[in-house]
C-alpha atoms as a PDB file:
ATOM      1  CA  MET A   1      79.720 -16.577 -16.469  1.00  0.00           C
ATOM      2  CA  PHE A   2      79.289 -18.693 -19.548  1.00  0.00           C
ATOM      3  CA  ILE A   3      76.592 -17.547 -21.909  1.00  0.00           C
ATOM      4  CA  SER A   4      75.401 -20.179 -24.507  1.00  0.00           C
ATOM      5  CA  PRO A   5      75.391 -19.607 -28.112  1.00  0.00           C
ATOM      6  CA  GLU A   6      71.722 -20.205 -28.023  1.00  0.00           C
ATOM      7  CA  ALA A   7      71.115 -17.525 -25.596  1.00  0.00           C
ATOM      8  CA  ILE A   8      73.216 -15.180 -27.747  1.00  0.00           C
ATOM      9  CA  ARG A   9      71.202 -16.009 -31.080  1.00  0.00           C
ATOM     10  CA  LEU A  10      68.018 -15.507 -28.997  1.00  0.00           C
ATOM     11  CA  ASN A  11      69.054 -12.233 -27.688  1.00  0.00           C
ATOM     12  CA  ASN A  12      70.161 -10.875 -31.131  1.00  0.00           C
ATOM     13  CA  TYR A  13      66.738 -12.308 -32.409  1.00  0.00           C
ATOM     14  CA  LEU A  14      64.853 -10.242 -29.795  1.00  0.00           C
ATOM     15  CA  LYS A  15      66.854  -7.151 -30.659  1.00  0.00           C
ATOM     16  CA  TRP A  16      66.175  -7.322 -34.403  1.00  0.00           C
ATOM     17  CA  GLN A  17      62.526  -8.178 -33.656  1.00  0.00           C
ATOM     18  CA  LYS A  18      62.140  -5.066 -31.702  1.00  0.00           C
ATOM     19  CA  ARG A  19      63.904  -2.778 -34.340  1.00  0.00           C
ATOM     20  CA  LEU A  20      61.792  -4.372 -37.188  1.00  0.00           C
ATOM     21  CA  LYS A  21      58.435  -4.077 -35.369  1.00  0.00           C
ATOM     22  CA  ASN A  22      57.044  -1.268 -37.325  1.00  0.00           C
ATOM     23  CA  VAL A  23      58.859  -1.865 -40.691  1.00  0.00           C
ATOM     24  CA  PRO A  24      56.235  -3.788 -42.247  1.00  0.00           C
ATOM     25  CA  ASN A  25      53.531  -1.225 -41.646  1.00  0.00           C
ATOM     26  CA  ILE A  26      56.135   1.387 -43.025  1.00  0.00           C
ATOM     27  CA  LEU A  27      56.776  -0.560 -46.122  1.00  0.00           C
ATOM     28  CA  ALA A  28      53.017  -1.015 -46.658  1.00  0.00           C
ATOM     29  CA  SER A  29      52.427   2.728 -46.328  1.00  0.00           C
ATOM     30  CA  ILE A  30      55.231   3.463 -48.711  1.00  0.00           C
ATOM     31  CA  ARG A  31      53.416   0.874 -51.092  1.00  0.00           C
ATOM     32  CA  ILE A  32      50.371   2.879 -50.732  1.00  0.00           C
ATOM     33  CA  LEU A  33      52.227   6.213 -51.842  1.00  0.00           C
ATOM     34  CA  LEU A  34      53.919   4.457 -54.700  1.00  0.00           C
ATOM     35  CA  ALA A  35      50.618   3.198 -56.042  1.00  0.00           C
ATOM     36  CA  PHE A  36      49.288   6.873 -56.200  1.00  0.00           C
ATOM     37  CA  LEU A  37      52.574   8.051 -57.820  1.00  0.00           C
ATOM     38  CA  MET A  38      52.479   5.146 -60.532  1.00  0.00           C
ATOM     39  CA  TYR A  39      48.838   6.022 -61.306  1.00  0.00           C
ATOM     40  CA  LEU A  40      49.739   9.546 -61.714  1.00  0.00           C
ATOM     41  CA  PHE A  41      52.332   8.653 -64.250  1.00  0.00           C
ATOM     42  CA  LEU A  42      49.947   6.534 -66.055  1.00  0.00           C
ATOM     43  CA  VAL A  43      46.880   8.911 -65.951  1.00  0.00           C
ATOM     44  CA  ASN A  44      48.020  12.453 -65.783  1.00  0.00           C
ATOM     45  CA  ARG A  45      50.599  12.250 -68.518  1.00  0.00           C
ATOM     46  CA  ASN A  46      50.103  15.864 -69.695  1.00  0.00           C
ATOM     47  CA  ILE A  47      51.571  17.472 -66.550  1.00  0.00           C
ATOM     48  CA  PHE A  48      55.017  15.820 -67.324  1.00  0.00           C
ATOM     49  CA  HIS A  49      56.990  17.455 -70.223  1.00  0.00           C
ATOM     50  CA  ILE A  50      58.907  14.160 -70.971  1.00  0.00           C
ATOM     51  CA  HIS A  51      58.299  11.502 -73.745  1.00  0.00           C
ATOM     52  CA  PRO A  52      55.375   9.129 -72.947  1.00  0.00           C
ATOM     53  CA  SER A  53      57.775   6.107 -72.976  1.00  0.00           C
ATOM     54  CA  TRP A  54      59.798   7.527 -70.321  1.00  0.00           C
ATOM     55  CA  LEU A  55      56.538   7.907 -68.302  1.00  0.00           C
ATOM     56  CA  ASP A  56      56.009   4.031 -68.957  1.00  0.00           C
ATOM     57  CA  TYR A  57      59.382   3.330 -67.696  1.00  0.00           C
ATOM     58  CA  PHE A  58      58.899   5.500 -64.436  1.00  0.00           C
ATOM     59  CA  ALA A  59      55.520   3.798 -63.987  1.00  0.00           C
ATOM     60  CA  ALA A  60      57.233   0.414 -64.274  1.00  0.00           C
ATOM     61  CA  LEU A  61      59.881   1.056 -62.108  1.00  0.00           C
ATOM     62  CA  ILE A  62      57.572   2.389 -59.399  1.00  0.00           C
ATOM     63  CA  PHE A  63      55.534  -0.732 -59.786  1.00  0.00           C
ATOM     64  CA  VAL A  64      58.712  -2.951 -59.351  1.00  0.00           C
ATOM     65  CA  ILE A  65      59.827  -0.851 -56.222  1.00  0.00           C
ATOM     66  CA  ALA A  66      56.397  -1.234 -54.651  1.00  0.00           C
ATOM     67  CA  SER A  67      56.328  -5.148 -55.447  1.00  0.00           C
ATOM     68  CA  ILE A  68      59.600  -5.462 -53.871  1.00  0.00           C
ATOM     69  CA  THR A  69      58.445  -3.571 -50.610  1.00  0.00           C
ATOM     70  CA  ASP A  70      55.388  -6.203 -50.620  1.00  0.00           C
ATOM     71  CA  PHE A  71      57.953  -9.028 -50.495  1.00  0.00           C
ATOM     72  CA  PHE A  72      59.972  -7.606 -47.713  1.00  0.00           C
ATOM     73  CA  ASP A  73      57.196  -6.718 -45.599  1.00  0.00           C
ATOM     74  CA  GLY A  74      55.812 -10.127 -45.586  1.00  0.00           C
ATOM     75  CA  PHE A  75      59.306 -11.662 -45.197  1.00  0.00           C
ATOM     76  CA  ILE A  76      60.108  -9.337 -41.962  1.00  0.00           C
ATOM     77  CA  ALA A  77      56.416  -9.859 -40.686  1.00  0.00           C
ATOM     78  CA  ARG A  78      56.666 -13.573 -40.695  1.00  0.00           C
ATOM     79  CA  ASN A  79      60.401 -14.260 -39.873  1.00  0.00           C
ATOM     80  CA  PHE A  80      60.471 -11.478 -37.085  1.00  0.00           C
ATOM     81  CA  ASN A  81      57.183 -12.019 -35.644  1.00  0.00           C
ATOM     82  CA  ALA A  82      56.299  -8.400 -36.546  1.00  0.00           C
ATOM     83  CA  VAL A  83      52.661  -8.920 -37.205  1.00  0.00           C
ATOM     84  CA  SER A  84      50.247  -6.435 -36.163  1.00  0.00           C
ATOM     85  CA  LYS A  85      46.393  -5.612 -36.338  1.00  0.00           C
ATOM     86  CA  LEU A  86      47.174  -2.314 -38.242  1.00  0.00           C
ATOM     87  CA  GLY A  87      49.583  -4.469 -40.644  1.00  0.00           C
ATOM     88  CA  GLU A  88      46.844  -7.088 -41.405  1.00  0.00           C
ATOM     89  CA  ILE A  89      44.801  -4.118 -42.643  1.00  0.00           C
ATOM     90  CA  LEU A  90      47.559  -2.133 -44.300  1.00  0.00           C
ATOM     91  CA  ASP A  91      49.381  -4.907 -46.253  1.00  0.00           C
ATOM     92  CA  PRO A  92      46.291  -6.198 -48.433  1.00  0.00           C
ATOM     93  CA  LEU A  93      44.925  -2.708 -48.633  1.00  0.00           C
ATOM     94  CA  ALA A  94      48.272  -1.436 -50.254  1.00  0.00           C
ATOM     95  CA  ASP A  95      48.576  -4.565 -52.469  1.00  0.00           C
ATOM     96  CA  LYS A  96      44.879  -3.818 -53.775  1.00  0.00           C
ATOM     97  CA  MET A  97      45.619  -0.209 -54.255  1.00  0.00           C
ATOM     98  CA  LEU A  98      48.719  -1.096 -56.325  1.00  0.00           C
ATOM     99  CA  VAL A  99      46.895  -3.732 -58.534  1.00  0.00           C
ATOM    100  CA  LEU A 100      43.873  -1.444 -58.958  1.00  0.00           C
ATOM    101  CA  GLY A 101      46.014   1.672 -59.629  1.00  0.00           C
ATOM    102  CA  ALA A 102      47.974  -0.239 -62.370  1.00  0.00           C
ATOM    103  CA  PHE A 103      44.875  -1.834 -64.112  1.00  0.00           C
ATOM    104  CA  LEU A 104      42.916   1.380 -64.053  1.00  0.00           C
ATOM    105  CA  GLY A 105      45.777   3.350 -65.473  1.00  0.00           C
ATOM    106  CA  LEU A 106      46.362   0.561 -68.236  1.00  0.00           C
ATOM    107  CA  LEU A 107      42.562   0.952 -68.930  1.00  0.00           C
ATOM    108  CA  PHE A 108      43.009   4.600 -69.539  1.00  0.00           C
ATOM    109  CA  LEU A 109      45.852   3.830 -71.985  1.00  0.00           C
ATOM    110  CA  HIS A 110      43.712   1.180 -73.749  1.00  0.00           C
ATOM    111  CA  ARG A 111      46.393  -1.399 -73.027  1.00  0.00           C
ATOM    112  CA  ALA A 112      44.446  -3.888 -70.980  1.00  0.00           C
ATOM    113  CA  ASN A 113      41.111  -5.946 -71.915  1.00  0.00           C
ATOM    114  CA  ALA A 114      38.342  -4.371 -69.774  1.00  0.00           C
ATOM    115  CA  TRP A 115      36.756  -7.804 -69.307  1.00  0.00           C
ATOM    116  CA  ALA A 116      40.046  -9.274 -67.873  1.00  0.00           C
ATOM    117  CA  VAL A 117      40.476  -6.323 -65.616  1.00  0.00           C
ATOM    118  CA  TYR A 118      36.812  -6.535 -64.364  1.00  0.00           C
ATOM    119  CA  LEU A 119      37.101 -10.392 -63.776  1.00  0.00           C
ATOM    120  CA  ILE A 120      40.282  -9.826 -61.699  1.00  0.00           C
ATOM    121  CA  LEU A 121      38.925  -7.187 -59.568  1.00  0.00           C
ATOM    122  CA  VAL A 122      35.519  -8.920 -58.715  1.00  0.00           C
ATOM    123  CA  ARG A 123      37.647 -11.909 -57.649  1.00  0.00           C
ATOM    124  CA  GLU A 124      40.014  -9.672 -55.663  1.00  0.00           C
ATOM    125  CA  PHE A 125      37.084  -7.802 -53.900  1.00  0.00           C
ATOM    126  CA  PHE A 126      35.082 -10.939 -53.405  1.00  0.00           C
ATOM    127  CA  ILE A 127      38.084 -12.699 -51.686  1.00  0.00           C
ATOM    128  CA  THR A 128      38.917  -9.794 -49.673  1.00  0.00           C
ATOM    129  CA  GLY A 129      35.221  -9.921 -48.404  1.00  0.00           C
ATOM    130  CA  LEU A 130      35.633 -13.705 -47.833  1.00  0.00           C
ATOM    131  CA  ARG A 131      38.937 -13.184 -45.974  1.00  0.00           C
ATOM    132  CA  VAL A 132      37.347 -10.566 -43.525  1.00  0.00           C
ATOM    133  CA  ALA A 133      34.438 -12.794 -42.856  1.00  0.00           C
ATOM    134  CA  MET A 134      36.763 -15.655 -41.999  1.00  0.00           C
ATOM    135  CA  ALA A 135      39.038 -13.463 -39.786  1.00  0.00           C
ATOM    136  CA  ALA A 136      35.962 -12.018 -37.895  1.00  0.00           C
ATOM    137  CA  GLU A 137      35.027 -15.873 -37.154  1.00  0.00           C
ATOM    138  CA  GLY A 138      38.562 -16.248 -35.700  1.00  0.00           C
ATOM    139  CA  LEU A 139      39.734 -18.365 -38.642  1.00  0.00           C
ATOM    140  CA  SER A 140      43.240 -18.273 -40.011  1.00  0.00           C
ATOM    141  CA  VAL A 141      43.533 -17.135 -43.734  1.00  0.00           C
ATOM    142  CA  LYS A 142      47.018 -17.788 -44.924  1.00  0.00           C
ATOM    143  CA  ALA A 143      47.759 -17.010 -48.616  1.00  0.00           C
ATOM    144  CA  SER A 144      47.611 -20.531 -50.499  1.00  0.00           C
ATOM    145  CA  PHE A 145      50.112 -21.543 -53.069  1.00  0.00           C
ATOM    146  CA  ALA A 146      47.700 -20.830 -55.865  1.00  0.00           C
ATOM    147  CA  GLY A 147      47.103 -17.241 -54.437  1.00  0.00           C
ATOM    148  CA  LYS A 148      51.059 -16.799 -54.567  1.00  0.00           C
ATOM    149  CA  VAL A 149      51.134 -17.932 -58.217  1.00  0.00           C
ATOM    150  CA  LYS A 150      48.243 -15.629 -58.751  1.00  0.00           C
ATOM    151  CA  THR A 151      50.120 -12.609 -57.463  1.00  0.00           C
ATOM    152  CA  VAL A 152      53.267 -13.412 -59.505  1.00  0.00           C
ATOM    153  CA  SER A 153      51.226 -13.886 -62.577  1.00  0.00           C
ATOM    154  CA  GLN A 154      49.188 -10.538 -62.210  1.00  0.00           C
ATOM    155  CA  MET A 155      52.553  -8.628 -61.287  1.00  0.00           C
ATOM    156  CA  GLY A 156      54.239 -10.123 -64.655  1.00  0.00           C
ATOM    157  CA  ALA A 157      51.158  -9.048 -66.687  1.00  0.00           C
ATOM    158  CA  ILE A 158      51.002  -5.595 -65.465  1.00  0.00           C
ATOM    159  CA  GLY A 159      54.727  -5.182 -65.815  1.00  0.00           C
ATOM    160  CA  PHE A 160      54.624  -6.342 -69.523  1.00  0.00           C
ATOM    161  CA  LEU A 161      51.776  -4.035 -70.121  1.00  0.00           C
ATOM    162  CA  LEU A 162      53.215  -1.044 -68.558  1.00  0.00           C
ATOM    163  CA  MET A 163      56.165  -1.433 -70.683  1.00  0.00           C
ATOM    164  CA  ASN A 164      54.003  -1.973 -73.399  1.00  0.00           C
ATOM    165  CA  TRP A 165      55.831  -5.201 -74.440  1.00  0.00           C
ATOM    166  CA  PRO A 166      54.521  -7.985 -76.721  1.00  0.00           C
ATOM    167  CA  CYS A 167      52.622 -10.831 -75.088  1.00  0.00           C
ATOM    168  CA  GLY A 168      51.292  -8.434 -72.328  1.00  0.00           C
ATOM    169  CA  GLU A 169      47.523  -9.324 -73.164  1.00  0.00           C
ATOM    170  CA  CYS A 170      48.275 -13.018 -73.277  1.00  0.00           C
ATOM    171  CA  LEU A 171      49.954 -12.805 -69.922  1.00  0.00           C
ATOM    172  CA  LEU A 172      46.903 -10.857 -68.549  1.00  0.00           C
ATOM    173  CA  TRP A 173      44.591 -13.626 -69.560  1.00  0.00           C
ATOM    174  CA  ILE A 174      46.801 -16.257 -67.960  1.00  0.00           C
ATOM    175  CA  ALA A 175      46.656 -14.143 -64.833  1.00  0.00           C
ATOM    176  CA  VAL A 176      42.816 -13.994 -65.153  1.00  0.00           C
ATOM    177  CA  PHE A 177      42.734 -17.744 -65.261  1.00  0.00           C
ATOM    178  CA  LEU A 178      45.237 -18.095 -62.323  1.00  0.00           C
ATOM    179  CA  THR A 179      43.172 -15.330 -60.395  1.00  0.00           C
ATOM    180  CA  ILE A 180      39.804 -17.203 -60.837  1.00  0.00           C
ATOM    181  CA  TYR A 181      41.599 -20.623 -59.915  1.00  0.00           C
ATOM    182  CA  SER A 182      42.962 -19.198 -56.791  1.00  0.00           C
ATOM    183  CA  GLY A 183      39.798 -17.827 -55.711  1.00  0.00           C
ATOM    184  CA  LEU A 184      37.792 -20.861 -56.046  1.00  0.00           C
ATOM    185  CA  ASP A 185      40.526 -22.454 -53.837  1.00  0.00           C
ATOM    186  CA  TYR A 186      39.787 -19.943 -51.099  1.00  0.00           C
ATOM    187  CA  LEU A 187      36.115 -20.568 -51.612  1.00  0.00           C
ATOM    188  CA  LYS A 188      36.661 -24.439 -51.080  1.00  0.00           C
ATOM    189  CA  VAL A 189      38.767 -23.602 -47.857  1.00  0.00           C
ATOM    190  CA  TYR A 190      35.605 -21.390 -46.536  1.00  0.00           C
ATOM    191  CA  ILE A 191      33.034 -24.047 -47.551  1.00  0.00           C
ATOM    192  CA  LYS A 192      35.140 -26.803 -46.190  1.00  0.00           C
ATOM    193  CA  THR A 193      35.570 -25.021 -42.726  1.00  0.00           C
ATOM    194  CA  HIS A 194      31.749 -24.344 -42.405  1.00  0.00           C
ATOM    195  CA  ASN A 195      30.808 -27.957 -43.540  1.00  0.00           C
ATOM    196  CA  GLY A 196      33.418 -30.025 -41.716  1.00  0.00           C
END
């Protein structure tokens, strides 16, 4: 009996799809735990009996690992159709917890401008509410290119500030600009869907 290469590929894809179904949710859950651990390194520094610079390194390493899990859970969910209702809630929640934990920790260490953090967090919560409203109306809310650039800029700024490197504050304000710009982008899409 002849089995076509396409049938073999489809069979392999379906096997991988079944194996990877829960991986995005597991990665998002790991990201939530890592966000808590990173925040602990930033805020409760007195419980660790090591030099503060090492705490910065550990917090930055945790942040990088958490950011990598974010990339992979999105990649797996998209490419292996491993999207679930739980994942749609867990993924943005884990992202917000990671960013919120980093910014609150950086404020505690007096490394981030309070106004910059305030503007970023207000935008994040506003857009999260907007996305929930759109999803409730059955509208598709995919991340725009501006939203992806915003995320990269925030991650870069947080990384520099965690490591206490020069230009961290400058990168933070660039992230603020891109964050507000991408927020207006989402708002335009929302208004367009309701007026068009």
